[in-house]
């Protein structure tokens, strides 16, 4: 990716991590304000947040070591 866009490694890593998250905790208060009929929305957002956190743990190992190592 950094080769494709000719970005420094640190900038490319920042973009990868930014694109990997969707900031679901920003949407959570909005979901909590919805009527009870939309109650499953809160569960979906919390599960999506957990998946996002697991993905970030994977990214912390994979991106610096495999995808964009500093040479």
Protein backbone atom coordinates (compact mmCIF):
# COMPACT_ATOMS: atom_id res chain seq x y z
CA UNK A 1 0.00 0.00 0.00
CA UNK A 2 2.75 2.46 0.86
CA UNK A 3 4.45 1.58 -2.41
CA UNK A 4 1.23 2.13 -4.34
CA UNK A 5 0.56 5.59 -2.93
CA UNK A 6 4.22 6.39 -2.25
CA UNK A 7 3.55 7.13 1.39
CA UNK A 8 6.02 6.84 4.25
CA UNK A 9 5.51 3.66 6.27
CA UNK A 10 4.18 5.49 9.34
CA UNK A 11 1.58 7.37 7.27
CA UNK A 12 0.48 4.18 5.51
CA UNK A 13 0.08 2.43 8.89
CA UNK A 14 -2.02 5.32 10.17
CA UNK A 15 -4.34 5.09 7.17
CA UNK A 16 -4.70 1.31 7.55
CA UNK A 17 -5.66 1.60 11.22
CA UNK A 18 -8.06 4.48 10.53
CA UNK A 19 -9.84 2.56 7.79
CA UNK A 20 -10.03 -0.53 9.99
CA UNK A 21 -12.31 1.08 12.55
CA UNK A 22 -15.81 2.43 12.18
CA UNK A 23 -16.12 4.24 15.52
CA UNK A 24 -19.14 2.26 16.62
CA UNK A 25 -19.02 3.83 20.09
CA UNK A 26 -20.07 7.09 18.46
CA UNK A 27 -23.23 5.38 17.17
CA UNK A 28 -24.03 3.65 20.47
CA UNK A 29 -25.65 6.70 22.18
CA UNK A 30 -27.76 7.22 19.07
CA UNK A 31 -28.90 3.59 19.18
CA UNK A 32 -29.71 3.88 22.88
CA UNK A 33 -31.97 6.84 22.09
CA UNK A 34 -34.08 4.78 19.67
CA UNK A 35 -37.44 3.29 20.71
CA UNK A 36 -37.46 -0.17 22.31
CA UNK A 37 -38.47 -1.76 19.01
CA UNK A 38 -34.93 -1.07 17.81
CA UNK A 39 -33.37 -2.71 20.90
CA UNK A 40 -31.39 -5.24 18.87
CA UNK A 41 -29.52 -2.33 17.27
CA UNK A 42 -27.64 -1.81 20.53
CA UNK A 43 -26.62 -5.47 20.61
CA UNK A 44 -25.42 -5.30 17.00
CA UNK A 45 -23.31 -2.21 17.73
CA UNK A 46 -21.74 -3.78 20.83
CA UNK A 47 -20.91 -7.01 18.95
CA UNK A 48 -19.47 -4.98 16.08
CA UNK A 49 -17.33 -3.09 18.60
CA UNK A 50 -15.96 -6.36 19.97
CA UNK A 51 -15.14 -7.57 16.46
CA UNK A 52 -13.42 -4.25 15.82
CA UNK A 53 -11.31 -4.61 18.98
CA UNK A 54 -10.27 -8.13 18.00
CA UNK A 55 -9.37 -6.84 14.56
CA UNK A 56 -7.20 -4.13 16.08
CA UNK A 57 -5.34 -6.75 18.11
CA UNK A 58 -4.71 -8.62 14.87
CA UNK A 59 -3.63 -5.40 13.13
CA UNK A 60 -1.13 -4.61 15.89
CA UNK A 61 0.78 -7.79 15.04
CA UNK A 62 0.17 -8.13 11.31
CA UNK A 63 0.57 -4.59 9.94
CA UNK A 64 4.01 -3.72 11.38
CA UNK A 65 5.49 -7.19 10.94
CA UNK A 66 4.01 -8.48 7.68
CA UNK A 67 2.26 -5.78 5.70
CA UNK A 68 4.40 -2.68 6.23
CA UNK A 69 7.67 -3.52 7.97
CA UNK A 70 10.23 -0.77 8.36
CA UNK A 71 13.28 -1.65 6.31
